[in-house]
PDB file of N, CA and C in Angstrom:
ATOM      1  N   MET A   1       0.844  -1.168   0.000  1.00  0.00           N
ATOM      2  CA  MET A   1       0.000   0.000   0.000  1.00  0.00           C
ATOM      3  C   MET A   1       0.893   1.235   0.000  1.00  0.00           C
ATOM      4  N   SER A   2       0.615   2.141  -0.878  1.00  0.00           N
ATOM      5  CA  SER A   2       1.437   3.340  -0.991  1.00  0.00           C
ATOM      6  C   SER A   2       1.008   4.386   0.029  1.00  0.00           C
ATOM      7  N   ALA A   3       1.913   5.286   0.326  1.00  0.00           N
ATOM      8  CA  ALA A   3       1.621   6.357   1.281  1.00  0.00           C
ATOM      9  C   ALA A   3       0.521   7.273   0.741  1.00  0.00           C
ATOM     10  N   ASP A   4       0.525   7.537  -0.550  1.00  0.00           N
ATOM     11  CA  ASP A   4      -0.512   8.385  -1.140  1.00  0.00           C
ATOM     12  C   ASP A   4      -1.894   7.766  -0.972  1.00  0.00           C
ATOM     13  N   PHE A   5      -1.971   6.453  -1.121  1.00  0.00           N
ATOM     14  CA  PHE A   5      -3.238   5.749  -1.013  1.00  0.00           C
ATOM     15  C   PHE A   5      -3.827   5.880   0.385  1.00  0.00           C
ATOM     16  N   SER A   6      -2.999   5.747   1.401  1.00  0.00           N
ATOM     17  CA  SER A   6      -3.503   5.701   2.771  1.00  0.00           C
ATOM     18  C   SER A   6      -3.475   7.046   3.489  1.00  0.00           C
ATOM     19  N   THR A   7      -3.027   8.102   2.834  1.00  0.00           N
ATOM     20  CA  THR A   7      -2.932   9.415   3.474  1.00  0.00           C
ATOM     21  C   THR A   7      -4.268   9.869   4.040  1.00  0.00           C
ATOM     22  N   ASP A   8      -5.353   9.707   3.305  1.00  0.00           N
ATOM     23  CA  ASP A   8      -6.670  10.131   3.783  1.00  0.00           C
ATOM     24  C   ASP A   8      -7.069   9.357   5.040  1.00  0.00           C
ATOM     25  N   ALA A   9      -6.807   8.075   5.059  1.00  0.00           N
ATOM     26  CA  ALA A   9      -7.143   7.258   6.226  1.00  0.00           C
ATOM     27  C   ALA A   9      -6.349   7.710   7.448  1.00  0.00           C
ATOM     28  N   TYR A  10      -5.066   7.963   7.267  1.00  0.00           N
ATOM     29  CA  TYR A  10      -4.236   8.414   8.388  1.00  0.00           C
ATOM     30  C   TYR A  10      -4.666   9.789   8.889  1.00  0.00           C
ATOM     31  N   ALA A  11      -5.100  10.650   7.993  1.00  0.00           N
ATOM     32  CA  ALA A  11      -5.589  11.970   8.407  1.00  0.00           C
ATOM     33  C   ALA A  11      -6.833  11.820   9.282  1.00  0.00           C
ATOM     34  N   LEU A  12      -7.723  10.918   8.900  1.00  0.00           N
ATOM     35  CA  LEU A  12      -8.918  10.678   9.714  1.00  0.00           C
ATOM     36  C   LEU A  12      -8.547  10.081  11.072  1.00  0.00           C
ATOM     37  N   LEU A  13      -7.601   9.152  11.090  1.00  0.00           N
ATOM     38  CA  LEU A  13      -7.139   8.573  12.357  1.00  0.00           C
ATOM     39  C   LEU A  13      -6.515   9.648  13.253  1.00  0.00           C
ATOM     40  N   ASP A  14      -5.757  10.554  12.679  1.00  0.00           N
ATOM     41  CA  ASP A  14      -5.168  11.645  13.463  1.00  0.00           C
ATOM     42  C   ASP A  14      -6.249  12.519  14.094  1.00  0.00           C
ATOM     43  N   THR A  15      -7.301  12.807  13.332  1.00  0.00           N
ATOM     44  CA  THR A  15      -8.396  13.623  13.855  1.00  0.00           C
ATOM     45  C   THR A  15      -9.104  12.906  15.003  1.00  0.00           C
ATOM     46  N   ILE A  16      -9.315  11.601  14.850  1.00  0.00           N
ATOM     47  CA  ILE A  16      -9.933  10.817  15.924  1.00  0.00           C
ATOM     48  C   ILE A  16      -9.059  10.872  17.172  1.00  0.00           C
ATOM     49  N   GLU A  17      -7.763  10.673  17.006  1.00  0.00           N
ATOM     50  CA  GLU A  17      -6.846  10.686  18.151  1.00  0.00           C
ATOM     51  C   GLU A  17      -6.816  12.052  18.834  1.00  0.00           C
ATOM     52  N   LYS A  18      -6.870  13.121  18.076  1.00  0.00           N
ATOM     53  CA  LYS A  18      -6.901  14.462  18.672  1.00  0.00           C
ATOM     54  C   LYS A  18      -8.185  14.660  19.471  1.00  0.00           C
ATOM     55  N   GLY A  19      -9.294  14.152  18.972  1.00  0.00           N
ATOM     56  CA  GLY A  19     -10.560  14.260  19.697  1.00  0.00           C
ATOM     57  C   GLY A  19     -10.547  13.454  20.981  1.00  0.00           C
ATOM     58  N   ILE A  20      -9.961  12.268  20.932  1.00  0.00           N
ATOM     59  CA  ILE A  20      -9.878  11.416  22.121  1.00  0.00           C
ATOM     60  C   ILE A  20      -8.907  12.014  23.136  1.00  0.00           C
ATOM     61  N   ALA A  21      -7.862  12.671  22.669  1.00  0.00           N
ATOM     62  CA  ALA A  21      -6.853  13.243  23.559  1.00  0.00           C
ATOM     63  C   ALA A  21      -7.444  14.291  24.494  1.00  0.00           C
ATOM     64  N   VAL A  22      -8.573  14.861  24.107  1.00  0.00           N
ATOM     65  CA  VAL A  22      -9.247  15.834  24.966  1.00  0.00           C
ATOM     66  C   VAL A  22      -9.613  15.164  26.289  1.00  0.00           C
ATOM     67  N   GLY A  23      -9.836  13.861  26.216  1.00  0.00           N
ATOM     68  CA  GLY A  23     -10.170  13.103  27.427  1.00  0.00           C
ATOM     69  C   GLY A  23     -11.647  12.820  27.505  1.00  0.00           C
ATOM     70  N   GLU A  24     -12.284  13.383  28.464  1.00  0.00           N
ATOM     71  CA  GLU A  24     -13.693  13.126  28.746  1.00  0.00           C
ATOM     72  C   GLU A  24     -14.594  13.641  27.624  1.00  0.00           C
ATOM     73  N   ASP A  25     -15.644  12.880  27.351  1.00  0.00           N
ATOM     74  CA  ASP A  25     -16.643  13.299  26.374  1.00  0.00           C
ATOM     75  C   ASP A  25     -17.325  14.557  26.897  1.00  0.00           C
ATOM     76  N   LYS A  26     -17.326  15.589  26.115  1.00  0.00           N
ATOM     77  CA  LYS A  26     -17.903  16.859  26.540  1.00  0.00           C
ATOM     78  C   LYS A  26     -19.409  16.927  26.304  1.00  0.00           C
ATOM     79  N   GLY A  27     -19.961  15.945  25.623  1.00  0.00           N
ATOM     80  CA  GLY A  27     -21.395  15.931  25.361  1.00  0.00           C
ATOM     81  C   GLY A  27     -21.735  16.530  24.018  1.00  0.00           C
ATOM     82  N   ALA A  28     -22.893  16.172  23.536  1.00  0.00           N
ATOM     83  CA  ALA A  28     -23.313  16.579  22.189  1.00  0.00           C
ATOM     84  C   ALA A  28     -23.618  18.064  22.084  1.00  0.00           C
ATOM     85  N   THR A  29     -24.030  18.694  23.174  1.00  0.00           N
ATOM     86  CA  THR A  29     -24.442  20.096  23.095  1.00  0.00           C
ATOM     87  C   THR A  29     -23.376  21.071  23.579  1.00  0.00           C
ATOM     88  N   ALA A  30     -22.217  20.568  23.989  1.00  0.00           N
ATOM     89  CA  ALA A  30     -21.143  21.452  24.445  1.00  0.00           C
ATOM     90  C   ALA A  30     -20.638  22.303  23.280  1.00  0.00           C
ATOM     91  N   ILE A  31     -20.271  23.514  23.571  1.00  0.00           N
ATOM     92  CA  ILE A  31     -19.800  24.425  22.525  1.00  0.00           C
ATOM     93  C   ILE A  31     -18.546  23.882  21.844  1.00  0.00           C
ATOM     94  N   ASP A  32     -17.624  23.375  22.623  1.00  0.00           N
ATOM     95  CA  ASP A  32     -16.383  22.865  22.053  1.00  0.00           C
ATOM     96  C   ASP A  32     -16.323  21.335  22.145  1.00  0.00           C
ATOM     97  N   THR A  33     -17.435  20.698  21.780  1.00  0.00           N
ATOM     98  CA  THR A  33     -17.533  19.243  21.862  1.00  0.00           C
ATOM     99  C   THR A  33     -16.501  18.551  20.978  1.00  0.00           C
ATOM    100  N   ASN A  34     -16.047  17.394  21.429  1.00  0.00           N
ATOM    101  CA  ASN A  34     -15.077  16.629  20.653  1.00  0.00           C
ATOM    102  C   ASN A  34     -15.750  15.530  19.827  1.00  0.00           C
ATOM    103  N   ARG A  35     -17.046  15.441  19.882  1.00  0.00           N
ATOM    104  CA  ARG A  35     -17.755  14.378  19.172  1.00  0.00           C
ATOM    105  C   ARG A  35     -17.585  14.418  17.664  1.00  0.00           C
ATOM    106  N   PRO A  36     -17.638  15.575  17.001  1.00  0.00           N
ATOM    107  CA  PRO A  36     -17.434  15.557  15.546  1.00  0.00           C
ATOM    108  C   PRO A  36     -16.063  15.012  15.155  1.00  0.00           C
ATOM    109  N   ASP A  37     -15.044  15.346  15.960  1.00  0.00           N
ATOM    110  CA  ASP A  37     -13.703  14.834  15.654  1.00  0.00           C
ATOM    111  C   ASP A  37     -13.654  13.321  15.801  1.00  0.00           C
ATOM    112  N   VAL A  38     -14.255  12.816  16.875  1.00  0.00           N
ATOM    113  CA  VAL A  38     -14.171  11.381  17.151  1.00  0.00           C
ATOM    114  C   VAL A  38     -15.177  10.603  16.312  1.00  0.00           C
ATOM    115  N   LEU A  39     -16.451  10.890  16.496  1.00  0.00           N
ATOM    116  CA  LEU A  39     -17.486  10.093  15.834  1.00  0.00           C
ATOM    117  C   LEU A  39     -17.617  10.419  14.349  1.00  0.00           C
ATOM    118  N   GLY A  40     -17.521  11.684  14.001  1.00  0.00           N
ATOM    119  CA  GLY A  40     -17.627  12.059  12.588  1.00  0.00           C
ATOM    120  C   GLY A  40     -16.488  11.485  11.764  1.00  0.00           C
ATOM    121  N   SER A  41     -15.278  11.575  12.312  1.00  0.00           N
ATOM    122  CA  SER A  41     -14.125  11.045  11.589  1.00  0.00           C
ATOM    123  C   SER A  41     -14.151   9.522  11.536  1.00  0.00           C
ATOM    124  N   ALA A  42     -14.655   8.882  12.601  1.00  0.00           N
ATOM    125  CA  ALA A  42     -14.777   7.419  12.587  1.00  0.00           C
ATOM    126  C   ALA A  42     -15.769   6.990  11.513  1.00  0.00           C
ATOM    127  N   HIS A  43     -16.851   7.739  11.365  1.00  0.00           N
ATOM    128  CA  HIS A  43     -17.839   7.446  10.320  1.00  0.00           C
ATOM    129  C   HIS A  43     -17.218   7.624   8.937  1.00  0.00           C
ATOM    130  N   ASP A  44     -16.478   8.707   8.765  1.00  0.00           N
ATOM    131  CA  ASP A  44     -15.807   8.951   7.476  1.00  0.00           C
ATOM    132  C   ASP A  44     -14.774   7.863   7.181  1.00  0.00           C
ATOM    133  N   LEU A  45     -14.055   7.419   8.212  1.00  0.00           N
ATOM    134  CA  LEU A  45     -13.067   6.355   8.033  1.00  0.00           C
ATOM    135  C   LEU A  45     -13.748   5.058   7.625  1.00  0.00           C
ATOM    136  N   SER A  46     -14.885   4.777   8.216  1.00  0.00           N
ATOM    137  CA  SER A  46     -15.644   3.578   7.849  1.00  0.00           C
ATOM    138  C   SER A  46     -16.022   3.620   6.368  1.00  0.00           C
ATOM    139  N   GLY A  47     -16.470   4.768   5.910  1.00  0.00           N
ATOM    140  CA  GLY A  47     -16.800   4.927   4.495  1.00  0.00           C
ATOM    141  C   GLY A  47     -15.583   4.769   3.606  1.00  0.00           C
ATOM    142  N   TRP A  48     -14.454   5.337   4.041  1.00  0.00           N
ATOM    143  CA  TRP A  48     -13.221   5.213   3.265  1.00  0.00           C
ATOM    144  C   TRP A  48     -12.818   3.748   3.149  1.00  0.00           C
ATOM    145  N   LEU A  49     -12.918   3.009   4.256  1.00  0.00           N
ATOM    146  CA  LEU A  49     -12.560   1.593   4.230  1.00  0.00           C
ATOM    147  C   LEU A  49     -13.502   0.788   3.328  1.00  0.00           C
ATOM    148  N   ASP A  50     -14.780   1.156   3.302  1.00  0.00           N
ATOM    149  CA  ASP A  50     -15.712   0.484   2.392  1.00  0.00           C
ATOM    150  C   ASP A  50     -15.332   0.718   0.929  1.00  0.00           C
ATOM    151  N   GLU A  51     -14.896   1.940   0.640  1.00  0.00           N
ATOM    152  CA  GLU A  51     -14.530   2.284  -0.724  1.00  0.00           C
ATOM    153  C   GLU A  51     -13.149   1.757  -1.123  1.00  0.00           C
ATOM    154  N   ASN A  52     -12.321   1.469  -0.146  1.00  0.00           N
ATOM    155  CA  ASN A  52     -10.939   1.047  -0.396  1.00  0.00           C
ATOM    156  C   ASN A  52     -10.624  -0.232   0.381  1.00  0.00           C
ATOM    157  N   PRO A  53     -11.284  -1.330   0.037  1.00  0.00           N
ATOM    158  CA  PRO A  53     -11.039  -2.558   0.797  1.00  0.00           C
ATOM    159  C   PRO A  53      -9.595  -3.035   0.644  1.00  0.00           C
ATOM    160  N   ILE A  54      -9.058  -3.495   1.739  1.00  0.00           N
ATOM    161  CA  ILE A  54      -7.689  -4.017   1.740  1.00  0.00           C
ATOM    162  C   ILE A  54      -7.762  -5.500   2.064  1.00  0.00           C
ATOM    163  N   LYS A  55      -7.161  -6.294   1.215  1.00  0.00           N
ATOM    164  CA  LYS A  55      -7.222  -7.743   1.430  1.00  0.00           C
ATOM    165  C   LYS A  55      -5.950  -8.243   2.036  1.00  0.00           C
TER     166      LYS A  55
END
């Protein structure tokens, strides 16, 4: 697998890790919630993996 191929996946993983690094879940209605970083990026990563299956 080339670095160019997996760059998008690694970017999504980095965003998830940054969201988790905040620590505690701030909740869905918090002004500076970390949920979009964690859950949104995980959803996007799932879609990327569906489109780019690795055997």
